[in-house]
Full PDB file with SEQRES, HELIX, SHEET, SSBOND, CRYST1, ORIGX, SCALE, CONECT and MASTER records, all heavy atoms in Angstrom:
SEQRES   1 A   36  ASP TRP GLU GLU TRP GLU LYS LEU SER ARG GLU LYS GLY          
SEQRES   2 A   36  GLU PHE VAL TYR SER THR GLU ALA MET THR PHE HIS ARG          
SEQRES   3 A   36  VAL HIS GLU GLY SER GLU THR SER ASN THR                      
HELIX    1 AA1 TRP A    2  LEU A    8  1                                   7    
HELIX    2 AA2 GLU A   32  ASN A   35  1                                   4    
CRYST1    1.000    1.000    1.000  90.00  90.00  90.00 P 1           1          
ORIGX1      1.000000  0.000000  0.000000        0.00000                         
ORIGX2      0.000000  1.000000  0.000000        0.00000                         
ORIGX3      0.000000  0.000000  1.000000        0.00000                         
SCALE1      1.000000  0.000000  0.000000        0.00000                         
SCALE2      0.000000  1.000000  0.000000        0.00000                         
SCALE3      0.000000  0.000000  1.000000        0.00000                         
ATOM      1  N   ASP A   1      70.257 -21.989 -77.163  1.00  0.00           N  
ATOM      2  CA  ASP A   1      70.089 -22.855 -78.330  1.00  0.00           C  
ATOM      3  C   ASP A   1      69.048 -22.285 -79.286  1.00  0.00           C  
ATOM      4  O   ASP A   1      69.279 -22.214 -80.501  1.00  0.00           O  
ATOM      5  CB  ASP A   1      69.719 -24.275 -77.907  1.00  0.00           C  
ATOM      6  CG  ASP A   1      68.485 -24.351 -77.028  1.00  0.00           C  
ATOM      7  OD1 ASP A   1      68.158 -23.357 -76.352  1.00  0.00           O  
ATOM      8  OD2 ASP A   1      67.842 -25.411 -77.008  1.00  0.00           O  
ATOM      9  N   TRP A   2      67.910 -21.848 -78.761  1.00  0.00           N  
ATOM     10  CA  TRP A   2      66.862 -21.237 -79.588  1.00  0.00           C  
ATOM     11  C   TRP A   2      67.424 -20.029 -80.333  1.00  0.00           C  
ATOM     12  O   TRP A   2      67.159 -19.830 -81.522  1.00  0.00           O  
ATOM     13  CB  TRP A   2      65.694 -20.836 -78.698  1.00  0.00           C  
ATOM     14  CG  TRP A   2      64.447 -20.364 -79.384  1.00  0.00           C  
ATOM     15  CD1 TRP A   2      64.193 -20.334 -80.730  1.00  0.00           C  
ATOM     16  CD2 TRP A   2      63.274 -19.858 -78.742  1.00  0.00           C  
ATOM     17  NE1 TRP A   2      62.940 -19.829 -80.961  1.00  0.00           N  
ATOM     18  CE2 TRP A   2      62.346 -19.536 -79.762  1.00  0.00           C  
ATOM     19  CE3 TRP A   2      62.918 -19.642 -77.411  1.00  0.00           C  
ATOM     20  CZ2 TRP A   2      61.083 -19.011 -79.474  1.00  0.00           C  
ATOM     21  CZ3 TRP A   2      61.660 -19.125 -77.121  1.00  0.00           C  
ATOM     22  CH2 TRP A   2      60.748 -18.814 -78.147  1.00  0.00           C  
ATOM     23  N   GLU A   3      68.221 -19.225 -79.626  1.00  0.00           N  
ATOM     24  CA  GLU A   3      68.826 -18.052 -80.262  1.00  0.00           C  
ATOM     25  C   GLU A   3      69.753 -18.466 -81.400  1.00  0.00           C  
ATOM     26  O   GLU A   3      69.791 -17.810 -82.451  1.00  0.00           O  
ATOM     27  CB  GLU A   3      69.604 -17.243 -79.226  1.00  0.00           C  
ATOM     28  CG  GLU A   3      70.187 -15.950 -79.798  1.00  0.00           C  
ATOM     29  CD  GLU A   3      70.939 -15.149 -78.749  1.00  0.00           C  
ATOM     30  OE1 GLU A   3      71.657 -15.750 -77.936  1.00  0.00           O  
ATOM     31  OE2 GLU A   3      70.808 -13.909 -78.750  1.00  0.00           O  
ATOM     32  N   GLU A   4      70.490 -19.547 -81.218  1.00  0.00           N  
ATOM     33  CA  GLU A   4      71.397 -20.004 -82.269  1.00  0.00           C  
ATOM     34  C   GLU A   4      70.619 -20.524 -83.470  1.00  0.00           C  
ATOM     35  O   GLU A   4      70.978 -20.263 -84.619  1.00  0.00           O  
ATOM     36  CB  GLU A   4      72.329 -21.094 -81.743  1.00  0.00           C  
ATOM     37  CG  GLU A   4      73.346 -21.591 -82.769  1.00  0.00           C  
ATOM     38  CD  GLU A   4      74.225 -20.486 -83.329  1.00  0.00           C  
ATOM     39  OE1 GLU A   4      74.494 -19.494 -82.613  1.00  0.00           O  
ATOM     40  OE2 GLU A   4      74.641 -20.601 -84.499  1.00  0.00           O  
ATOM     41  N   TRP A   5      69.549 -21.267 -83.226  1.00  0.00           N  
ATOM     42  CA  TRP A   5      68.743 -21.753 -84.360  1.00  0.00           C  
ATOM     43  C   TRP A   5      68.178 -20.564 -85.148  1.00  0.00           C  
ATOM     44  O   TRP A   5      68.096 -20.609 -86.373  1.00  0.00           O  
ATOM     45  CB  TRP A   5      67.584 -22.646 -83.896  1.00  0.00           C  
ATOM     46  CG  TRP A   5      67.849 -23.682 -82.862  1.00  0.00           C  
ATOM     47  CD1 TRP A   5      66.969 -24.131 -81.909  1.00  0.00           C  
ATOM     48  CD2 TRP A   5      69.046 -24.452 -82.653  1.00  0.00           C  
ATOM     49  NE1 TRP A   5      67.540 -25.089 -81.116  1.00  0.00           N  
ATOM     50  CE2 TRP A   5      68.814 -25.321 -81.547  1.00  0.00           C  
ATOM     51  CE3 TRP A   5      70.287 -24.488 -83.277  1.00  0.00           C  
ATOM     52  CZ2 TRP A   5      69.785 -26.202 -81.066  1.00  0.00           C  
ATOM     53  CZ3 TRP A   5      71.267 -25.366 -82.798  1.00  0.00           C  
ATOM     54  CH2 TRP A   5      71.008 -26.208 -81.712  1.00  0.00           C  
ATOM     55  N   GLU A   6      67.766 -19.515 -84.411  1.00  0.00           N  
ATOM     56  CA  GLU A   6      67.225 -18.326 -85.086  1.00  0.00           C  
ATOM     57  C   GLU A   6      68.276 -17.712 -86.013  1.00  0.00           C  
ATOM     58  O   GLU A   6      67.972 -17.331 -87.147  1.00  0.00           O  
ATOM     59  CB  GLU A   6      66.776 -17.296 -84.045  1.00  0.00           C  
ATOM     60  CG  GLU A   6      65.996 -16.115 -84.608  1.00  0.00           C  
ATOM     61  CD  GLU A   6      66.878 -14.992 -85.126  1.00  0.00           C  
ATOM     62  OE1 GLU A   6      68.001 -14.822 -84.591  1.00  0.00           O  
ATOM     63  OE2 GLU A   6      66.472 -14.277 -86.075  1.00  0.00           O  
ATOM     64  N   LYS A   7      69.512 -17.629 -85.560  1.00  0.00           N  
ATOM     65  CA  LYS A   7      70.592 -17.100 -86.397  1.00  0.00           C  
ATOM     66  C   LYS A   7      70.806 -17.995 -87.616  1.00  0.00           C  
ATOM     67  O   LYS A   7      70.924 -17.516 -88.753  1.00  0.00           O  
ATOM     68  CB  LYS A   7      71.885 -16.997 -85.596  1.00  0.00           C  
ATOM     69  CG  LYS A   7      71.863 -15.973 -84.478  1.00  0.00           C  
ATOM     70  CD  LYS A   7      73.178 -16.034 -83.695  1.00  0.00           C  
ATOM     71  CE  LYS A   7      73.149 -15.122 -82.487  1.00  0.00           C  
ATOM     72  NZ  LYS A   7      74.387 -15.273 -81.670  1.00  0.00           N  
ATOM     73  N   LEU A   8      70.861 -19.297 -87.375  1.00  0.00           N  
ATOM     74  CA  LEU A   8      71.131 -20.238 -88.467  1.00  0.00           C  
ATOM     75  C   LEU A   8      69.974 -20.306 -89.457  1.00  0.00           C  
ATOM     76  O   LEU A   8      70.179 -20.626 -90.629  1.00  0.00           O  
ATOM     77  CB  LEU A   8      71.410 -21.638 -87.907  1.00  0.00           C  
ATOM     78  CG  LEU A   8      72.700 -21.805 -87.093  1.00  0.00           C  
ATOM     79  CD1 LEU A   8      72.842 -23.259 -86.624  1.00  0.00           C  
ATOM     80  CD2 LEU A   8      73.923 -21.405 -87.913  1.00  0.00           C  
ATOM     81  N   SER A   9      68.760 -19.987 -88.996  1.00  0.00           N  
ATOM     82  CA  SER A   9      67.606 -20.050 -89.897  1.00  0.00           C  
ATOM     83  C   SER A   9      67.720 -19.034 -91.033  1.00  0.00           C  
ATOM     84  O   SER A   9      67.068 -19.172 -92.073  1.00  0.00           O  
ATOM     85  CB  SER A   9      66.310 -19.805 -89.114  1.00  0.00           C  
ATOM     86  OG  SER A   9      66.209 -18.455 -88.692  1.00  0.00           O  
ATOM     87  N   ARG A  10      68.562 -18.012 -90.832  1.00  0.00           N  
ATOM     88  CA  ARG A  10      68.761 -17.000 -91.864  1.00  0.00           C  
ATOM     89  C   ARG A  10      69.832 -17.400 -92.880  1.00  0.00           C  
ATOM     90  O   ARG A  10      69.970 -16.763 -93.929  1.00  0.00           O  
ATOM     91  CB  ARG A  10      69.191 -15.680 -91.212  1.00  0.00           C  
ATOM     92  CG  ARG A  10      68.214 -15.135 -90.179  1.00  0.00           C  
ATOM     93  CD  ARG A  10      68.811 -13.936 -89.445  1.00  0.00           C  
ATOM     94  NE  ARG A  10      67.953 -13.422 -88.387  1.00  0.00           N  
ATOM     95  CZ  ARG A  10      67.026 -12.501 -88.563  1.00  0.00           C  
ATOM     96  NH1 ARG A  10      66.859 -11.967 -89.764  1.00  0.00           N  
ATOM     97  NH2 ARG A  10      66.284 -12.077 -87.546  1.00  0.00           N  
ATOM     98  N   GLU A  11      70.594 -18.446 -92.545  1.00  0.00           N  
ATOM     99  CA  GLU A  11      71.706 -18.871 -93.391  1.00  0.00           C  
ATOM    100  C   GLU A  11      71.261 -19.867 -94.449  1.00  0.00           C  
ATOM    101  O   GLU A  11      70.277 -20.586 -94.277  1.00  0.00           O  
ATOM    102  CB  GLU A  11      72.816 -19.496 -92.538  1.00  0.00           C  
ATOM    103  CG  GLU A  11      73.367 -18.594 -91.440  1.00  0.00           C  
ATOM    104  CD  GLU A  11      74.066 -17.382 -92.008  1.00  0.00           C  
ATOM    105  OE1 GLU A  11      74.679 -17.501 -93.089  1.00  0.00           O  
ATOM    106  OE2 GLU A  11      74.003 -16.304 -91.363  1.00  0.00           O  
ATOM    107  N   LYS A  12      72.041 -19.931 -95.529  1.00  0.00           N  
ATOM    108  CA  LYS A  12      71.786 -20.921 -96.558  1.00  0.00           C  
ATOM    109  C   LYS A  12      72.090 -22.303 -96.012  1.00  0.00           C  
ATOM    110  O   LYS A  12      73.145 -22.525 -95.420  1.00  0.00           O  
ATOM    111  CB  LYS A  12      72.672 -20.643 -97.779  1.00  0.00           C  
ATOM    112  CG  LYS A  12      72.587 -21.718 -98.854  1.00  0.00           C  
ATOM    113  CD  LYS A  12      73.599 -21.458 -99.967  1.00  0.00           C  
ATOM    114  CE  LYS A  12      73.564 -22.586-101.000  1.00  0.00           C  
ATOM    115  NZ  LYS A  12      74.594 -22.377-102.069  1.00  0.00           N  
ATOM    116  N   GLY A  13      71.169 -23.225 -96.184  1.00  0.00           N  
ATOM    117  CA  GLY A  13      71.411 -24.582 -95.734  1.00  0.00           C  
ATOM    118  C   GLY A  13      70.186 -25.199 -95.082  1.00  0.00           C  
ATOM    119  O   GLY A  13      69.169 -24.535 -94.841  1.00  0.00           O  
ATOM    120  N   GLU A  14      70.298 -26.480 -94.765  1.00  0.00           N  
ATOM    121  CA  GLU A  14      69.149 -27.248 -94.300  1.00  0.00           C  
ATOM    122  C   GLU A  14      69.180 -27.541 -92.803  1.00  0.00           C  
ATOM    123  O   GLU A  14      70.237 -27.789 -92.230  1.00  0.00           O  
ATOM    124  CB  GLU A  14      69.091 -28.585 -95.054  1.00  0.00           C  
ATOM    125  CG  GLU A  14      68.823 -28.447 -96.532  1.00  0.00           C  
ATOM    126  CD  GLU A  14      69.700 -29.380 -97.368  1.00  0.00           C  
ATOM    127  OE1 GLU A  14      70.928 -29.185 -97.377  1.00  0.00           O  
ATOM    128  OE2 GLU A  14      69.142 -30.294 -97.989  1.00  0.00           O  
ATOM    129  N   PHE A  15      67.992 -27.513 -92.202  1.00  0.00           N  
ATOM    130  CA  PHE A  15      67.753 -28.070 -90.884  1.00  0.00           C  
ATOM    131  C   PHE A  15      67.237 -29.484 -91.137  1.00  0.00           C  
ATOM    132  O   PHE A  15      66.067 -29.678 -91.438  1.00  0.00           O  
ATOM    133  CB  PHE A  15      66.686 -27.270 -90.130  1.00  0.00           C  
ATOM    134  CG  PHE A  15      67.162 -25.974 -89.538  1.00  0.00           C  
ATOM    135  CD1 PHE A  15      68.417 -25.452 -89.823  1.00  0.00           C  
ATOM    136  CD2 PHE A  15      66.349 -25.266 -88.668  1.00  0.00           C  
ATOM    137  CE1 PHE A  15      68.849 -24.249 -89.262  1.00  0.00           C  
ATOM    138  CE2 PHE A  15      66.769 -24.073 -88.096  1.00  0.00           C  
ATOM    139  CZ  PHE A  15      68.020 -23.565 -88.396  1.00  0.00           C  
ATOM    140  N   VAL A  16      68.093 -30.460 -91.041  1.00  0.00           N  
ATOM    141  CA  VAL A  16      67.727 -31.837 -91.375  1.00  0.00           C  
ATOM    142  C   VAL A  16      67.002 -32.466 -90.186  1.00  0.00           C  
ATOM    143  O   VAL A  16      67.591 -32.687 -89.124  1.00  0.00           O  
ATOM    144  CB  VAL A  16      68.983 -32.663 -91.732  1.00  0.00           C  
ATOM    145  CG1 VAL A  16      68.597 -34.105 -92.041  1.00  0.00           C  
ATOM    146  CG2 VAL A  16      69.698 -32.025 -92.923  1.00  0.00           C  
ATOM    147  N   TYR A  17      65.740 -32.748 -90.371  1.00  0.00           N  
ATOM    148  CA  TYR A  17      64.876 -33.214 -89.280  1.00  0.00           C  
ATOM    149  C   TYR A  17      64.484 -34.669 -89.475  1.00  0.00           C  
ATOM    150  O   TYR A  17      63.974 -35.059 -90.519  1.00  0.00           O  
ATOM    151  CB  TYR A  17      63.622 -32.334 -89.221  1.00  0.00           C  
ATOM    152  CG  TYR A  17      62.519 -32.831 -88.318  1.00  0.00           C  
ATOM    153  CD1 TYR A  17      62.775 -33.250 -87.014  1.00  0.00           C  
ATOM    154  CD2 TYR A  17      61.195 -32.854 -88.767  1.00  0.00           C  
ATOM    155  CE1 TYR A  17      61.753 -33.696 -86.186  1.00  0.00           C  
ATOM    156  CE2 TYR A  17      60.161 -33.279 -87.940  1.00  0.00           C  
ATOM    157  CZ  TYR A  17      60.447 -33.707 -86.654  1.00  0.00           C  
ATOM    158  OH  TYR A  17      59.437 -34.146 -85.843  1.00  0.00           O  
ATOM    159  N   SER A  18      64.731 -35.472 -88.456  1.00  0.00           N  
ATOM    160  CA  SER A  18      64.316 -36.878 -88.454  1.00  0.00           C  
ATOM    161  C   SER A  18      63.082 -37.026 -87.579  1.00  0.00           C  
ATOM    162  O   SER A  18      63.091 -36.628 -86.405  1.00  0.00           O  
ATOM    163  CB  SER A  18      65.433 -37.772 -87.912  1.00  0.00           C  
ATOM    164  OG  SER A  18      64.950 -39.108 -87.748  1.00  0.00           O  
ATOM    165  N   THR A  19      62.030 -37.606 -88.124  1.00  0.00           N  
ATOM    166  CA  THR A  19      60.800 -37.811 -87.360  1.00  0.00           C  
ATOM    167  C   THR A  19      60.888 -39.042 -86.455  1.00  0.00           C  
ATOM    168  O   THR A  19      59.949 -39.323 -85.700  1.00  0.00           O  
ATOM    169  CB  THR A  19      59.599 -37.977 -88.309  1.00  0.00           C  
ATOM    170  OG1 THR A  19      59.851 -39.070 -89.210  1.00  0.00           O  
ATOM    171  CG2 THR A  19      59.365 -36.709 -89.120  1.00  0.00           C  
ATOM    172  N   GLU A  20      61.997 -39.766 -86.521  1.00  0.00           N  
ATOM    173  CA  GLU A  20      62.192 -40.919 -85.653  1.00  0.00           C  
ATOM    174  C   GLU A  20      62.639 -40.445 -84.262  1.00  0.00           C  
ATOM    175  O   GLU A  20      63.454 -39.522 -84.144  1.00  0.00           O  
ATOM    176  CB  GLU A  20      63.255 -41.855 -86.239  1.00  0.00           C  
ATOM    177  CG  GLU A  20      62.918 -42.399 -87.625  1.00  0.00           C  
ATOM    178  CD  GLU A  20      61.686 -43.280 -87.613  1.00  0.00           C  
ATOM    179  OE1 GLU A  20      61.491 -44.008 -86.617  1.00  0.00           O  
ATOM    180  OE2 GLU A  20      60.925 -43.253 -88.605  1.00  0.00           O  
ATOM    181  N   ALA A  21      62.130 -41.080 -83.234  1.00  0.00           N  
ATOM    182  CA  ALA A  21      62.522 -40.723 -81.858  1.00  0.00           C  
ATOM    183  C   ALA A  21      63.892 -41.326 -81.576  1.00  0.00           C  
ATOM    184  O   ALA A  21      64.014 -42.483 -81.201  1.00  0.00           O  
ATOM    185  CB  ALA A  21      61.492 -41.231 -80.862  1.00  0.00           C  
ATOM    186  N   MET A  22      64.923 -40.522 -81.766  1.00  0.00           N  
ATOM    187  CA  MET A  22      66.296 -41.002 -81.661  1.00  0.00           C  
ATOM    188  C   MET A  22      66.961 -40.693 -80.324  1.00  0.00           C  
ATOM    189  O   MET A  22      68.101 -41.078 -80.101  1.00  0.00           O  
ATOM    190  CB  MET A  22      67.132 -40.415 -82.810  1.00  0.00           C  
ATOM    191  CG  MET A  22      66.836 -41.070 -84.137  1.00  0.00           C  
ATOM    192  SD  MET A  22      67.309 -42.809 -84.079  1.00  0.00           S  
ATOM    193  CE  MET A  22      66.312 -43.477 -85.417  1.00  0.00           C  
ATOM    194  N   THR A  23      66.246 -39.984 -79.442  1.00  0.00           N  
ATOM    195  CA  THR A  23      66.796 -39.701 -78.122  1.00  0.00           C  
ATOM    196  C   THR A  23      65.698 -39.813 -77.074  1.00  0.00           C  
ATOM    197  O   THR A  23      64.503 -39.826 -77.394  1.00  0.00           O  
ATOM    198  CB  THR A  23      67.426 -38.293 -78.039  1.00  0.00           C  
ATOM    199  OG1 THR A  23      66.406 -37.307 -78.221  1.00  0.00           O  
ATOM    200  CG2 THR A  23      68.513 -38.106 -79.072  1.00  0.00           C  
ATOM    201  N   PHE A  24      66.137 -39.893 -75.819  1.00  0.00           N  
ATOM    202  CA  PHE A  24      65.223 -39.948 -74.686  1.00  0.00           C  
ATOM    203  C   PHE A  24      65.628 -38.824 -73.733  1.00  0.00           C  
ATOM    204  O   PHE A  24      66.721 -38.859 -73.163  1.00  0.00           O  
ATOM    205  CB  PHE A  24      65.318 -41.299 -73.978  1.00  0.00           C  
ATOM    206  CG  PHE A  24      65.002 -42.468 -74.868  1.00  0.00           C  
ATOM    207  CD1 PHE A  24      65.992 -43.033 -75.666  1.00  0.00           C  
ATOM    208  CD2 PHE A  24      63.720 -43.002 -74.926  1.00  0.00           C  
ATOM    209  CE1 PHE A  24      65.715 -44.107 -76.498  1.00  0.00           C  
ATOM    210  CE2 PHE A  24      63.429 -44.081 -75.758  1.00  0.00           C  
ATOM    211  CZ  PHE A  24      64.426 -44.631 -76.548  1.00  0.00           C  
ATOM    212  N   HIS A  25      64.768 -37.829 -73.594  1.00  0.00           N  
ATOM    213  CA  HIS A  25      65.077 -36.643 -72.791  1.00  0.00           C  
ATOM    214  C   HIS A  25      64.528 -36.802 -71.384  1.00  0.00           C  
ATOM    215  O   HIS A  25      63.329 -36.999 -71.190  1.00  0.00           O  
ATOM    216  CB  HIS A  25      64.472 -35.406 -73.456  1.00  0.00           C  
ATOM    217  CG  HIS A  25      64.709 -34.149 -72.690  1.00  0.00           C  
ATOM    218  ND1 HIS A  25      65.966 -33.725 -72.325  1.00  0.00           N  
ATOM    219  CD2 HIS A  25      63.826 -33.221 -72.202  1.00  0.00           C  
ATOM    220  CE1 HIS A  25      65.865 -32.587 -71.652  1.00  0.00           C  
ATOM    221  NE2 HIS A  25      64.589 -32.266 -71.567  1.00  0.00           N  
ATOM    222  N   ARG A  26      65.428 -36.703 -70.402  1.00  0.00           N  
ATOM    223  CA  ARG A  26      65.019 -36.900 -69.015  1.00  0.00           C  
ATOM    224  C   ARG A  26      64.465 -35.611 -68.426  1.00  0.00           C  
ATOM    225  O   ARG A  26      65.150 -34.588 -68.407  1.00  0.00           O  
ATOM    226  CB  ARG A  26      66.210 -37.393 -68.183  1.00  0.00           C  
ATOM    227  CG  ARG A  26      65.804 -37.980 -66.827  1.00  0.00           C  
ATOM    228  CD  ARG A  26      67.028 -38.478 -66.081  1.00  0.00           C  
ATOM    229  NE  ARG A  26      67.805 -39.410 -66.848  1.00  0.00           N  
ATOM    230  CZ  ARG A  26      67.579 -40.720 -66.919  1.00  0.00           C  
ATOM    231  NH1 ARG A  26      66.550 -41.229 -66.258  1.00  0.00           N  
ATOM    232  NH2 ARG A  26      68.345 -41.507 -67.643  1.00  0.00           N  
ATOM    233  N   VAL A  27      63.251 -35.685 -67.938  1.00  0.00           N  
ATOM    234  CA  VAL A  27      62.614 -34.558 -67.261  1.00  0.00           C  
ATOM    235  C   VAL A  27      62.684 -34.843 -65.763  1.00  0.00           C  
ATOM    236  O   VAL A  27      62.088 -35.797 -65.268  1.00  0.00           O  
ATOM    237  CB  VAL A  27      61.146 -34.391 -67.699  1.00  0.00           C  
ATOM    238  CG1 VAL A  27      60.500 -33.210 -66.974  1.00  0.00           C  
ATOM    239  CG2 VAL A  27      61.063 -34.202 -69.210  1.00  0.00           C  
ATOM    240  N   HIS A  28      63.452 -34.024 -65.048  1.00  0.00           N  
ATOM    241  CA  HIS A  28      63.596 -34.242 -63.609  1.00  0.00           C  
ATOM    242  C   HIS A  28      63.853 -32.919 -62.912  1.00  0.00           C  
ATOM    243  O   HIS A  28      64.202 -31.915 -63.544  1.00  0.00           O  
ATOM    244  CB  HIS A  28      64.727 -35.247 -63.317  1.00  0.00           C  
ATOM    245  CG  HIS A  28      66.084 -34.776 -63.735  1.00  0.00           C  
ATOM    246  ND1 HIS A  28      66.989 -34.220 -62.863  1.00  0.00           N  
ATOM    247  CD2 HIS A  28      66.708 -34.772 -64.951  1.00  0.00           C  
ATOM    248  CE1 HIS A  28      68.098 -33.916 -63.506  1.00  0.00           C  
ATOM    249  NE2 HIS A  28      67.955 -34.232 -64.769  1.00  0.00           N  
ATOM    250  N   GLU A  29      63.714 -32.907 -61.613  1.00  0.00           N  
ATOM    251  CA  GLU A  29      63.780 -31.668 -60.839  1.00  0.00           C  
ATOM    252  C   GLU A  29      65.139 -30.981 -60.907  1.00  0.00           C  
ATOM    253  O   GLU A  29      65.246 -29.779 -60.767  1.00  0.00           O  
ATOM    254  CB  GLU A  29      63.432 -31.954 -59.365  1.00  0.00           C  
ATOM    255  CG  GLU A  29      61.977 -32.332 -59.138  1.00  0.00           C  
ATOM    256  CD  GLU A  29      61.018 -31.209 -59.462  1.00  0.00           C  
ATOM    257  OE1 GLU A  29      61.454 -30.043 -59.467  1.00  0.00           O  
ATOM    258  OE2 GLU A  29      59.835 -31.494 -59.714  1.00  0.00           O  
ATOM    259  N   GLY A  30      66.193 -31.748 -61.127  1.00  0.00           N  
ATOM    260  CA  GLY A  30      67.527 -31.169 -61.127  1.00  0.00           C  
ATOM    261  C   GLY A  30      68.001 -30.660 -62.470  1.00  0.00           C  
ATOM    262  O   GLY A  30      69.107 -30.135 -62.583  1.00  0.00           O  
ATOM    263  N   SER A  31      67.176 -30.790 -63.515  1.00  0.00           N  
ATOM    264  CA  SER A  31      67.607 -30.371 -64.840  1.00  0.00           C  
ATOM    265  C   SER A  31      67.690 -28.857 -64.935  1.00  0.00           C  
ATOM    266  O   SER A  31      67.007 -28.123 -64.213  1.00  0.00           O  
ATOM    267  CB  SER A  31      66.644 -30.898 -65.911  1.00  0.00           C  
ATOM    268  OG  SER A  31      65.410 -30.225 -65.840  1.00  0.00           O  
ATOM    269  N   GLU A  32      68.521 -28.371 -65.850  1.00  0.00           N  
ATOM    270  CA  GLU A  32      68.672 -26.928 -66.019  1.00  0.00           C  
ATOM    271  C   GLU A  32      67.365 -26.303 -66.498  1.00  0.00           C  
ATOM    272  O   GLU A  32      67.020 -25.186 -66.120  1.00  0.00           O  
ATOM    273  CB  GLU A  32      69.789 -26.633 -67.029  1.00  0.00           C  
ATOM    274  CG  GLU A  32      70.124 -25.162 -67.181  1.00  0.00           C  
ATOM    275  CD  GLU A  32      70.675 -24.531 -65.912  1.00  0.00           C  
ATOM    276  OE1 GLU A  32      71.104 -25.257 -65.008  1.00  0.00           O  
ATOM    277  OE2 GLU A  32      70.662 -23.281 -65.826  1.00  0.00           O  
ATOM    278  N   THR A  33      66.612 -27.034 -67.326  1.00  0.00           N  
ATOM    279  CA  THR A  33      65.322 -26.516 -67.791  1.00  0.00           C  
ATOM    280  C   THR A  33      64.376 -26.301 -66.621  1.00  0.00           C  
ATOM    281  O   THR A  33      63.723 -25.259 -66.506  1.00  0.00           O  
ATOM    282  CB  THR A  33      64.673 -27.492 -68.790  1.00  0.00           C  
ATOM    283  OG1 THR A  33      65.537 -27.655 -69.908  1.00  0.00           O  
ATOM    284  CG2 THR A  33      63.334 -26.958 -69.271  1.00  0.00           C  
ATOM    285  N   SER A  34      64.307 -27.300 -65.729  1.00  0.00           N  
ATOM    286  CA  SER A  34      63.438 -27.174 -64.561  1.00  0.00           C  
ATOM    287  C   SER A  34      63.880 -26.026 -63.664  1.00  0.00           C  
ATOM    288  O   SER A  34      63.061 -25.285 -63.129  1.00  0.00           O  
ATOM    289  CB  SER A  34      63.432 -28.486 -63.765  1.00  0.00           C  
ATOM    290  OG  SER A  34      62.873 -29.535 -64.527  1.00  0.00           O  
ATOM    291  N   ASN A  35      65.191 -25.849 -63.523  1.00  0.00           N  
ATOM    292  CA  ASN A  35      65.714 -24.782 -62.677  1.00  0.00           C  
ATOM    293  C   ASN A  35      65.353 -23.405 -63.212  1.00  0.00           C  
ATOM    294  O   ASN A  35      64.942 -22.516 -62.462  1.00  0.00           O  
ATOM    295  CB  ASN A  35      67.238 -24.893 -62.556  1.00  0.00           C  
ATOM    296  CG  ASN A  35      67.657 -26.098 -61.732  1.00  0.00           C  
ATOM    297  OD1 ASN A  35      66.892 -26.601 -60.908  1.00  0.00           O  
ATOM    298  ND2 ASN A  35      68.866 -26.576 -61.949  1.00  0.00           N  
ATOM    299  N   THR A  36      65.497 -23.210 -64.523  1.00  0.00           N  
ATOM    300  CA  THR A  36      65.214 -21.895 -65.084  1.00  0.00           C  
ATOM    301  C   THR A  36      63.716 -21.607 -65.112  1.00  0.00           C  
ATOM    302  O   THR A  36      63.301 -20.450 -65.058  1.00  0.00           O  
ATOM    303  CB  THR A  36      65.784 -21.757 -66.512  1.00  0.00           C  
ATOM    304  OG1 THR A  36      65.308 -22.832 -67.325  1.00  0.00           O  
ATOM    305  CG2 THR A  36      67.300 -21.782 -66.495  1.00  0.00           C  
TER     306      THR A  36                                                      
MASTER        0    0    0    2    0    0    0    6  305    1    0    3          
END                                                                             
């Protein structure tokens, strides 16, 4: 995902960012992030 954002950052267009907390990210031992 980071690699894709880096590619898109070079393209014309907006990264539309909402400062509102619109999601809840679960941090747990079985997540792919924890595994890597």
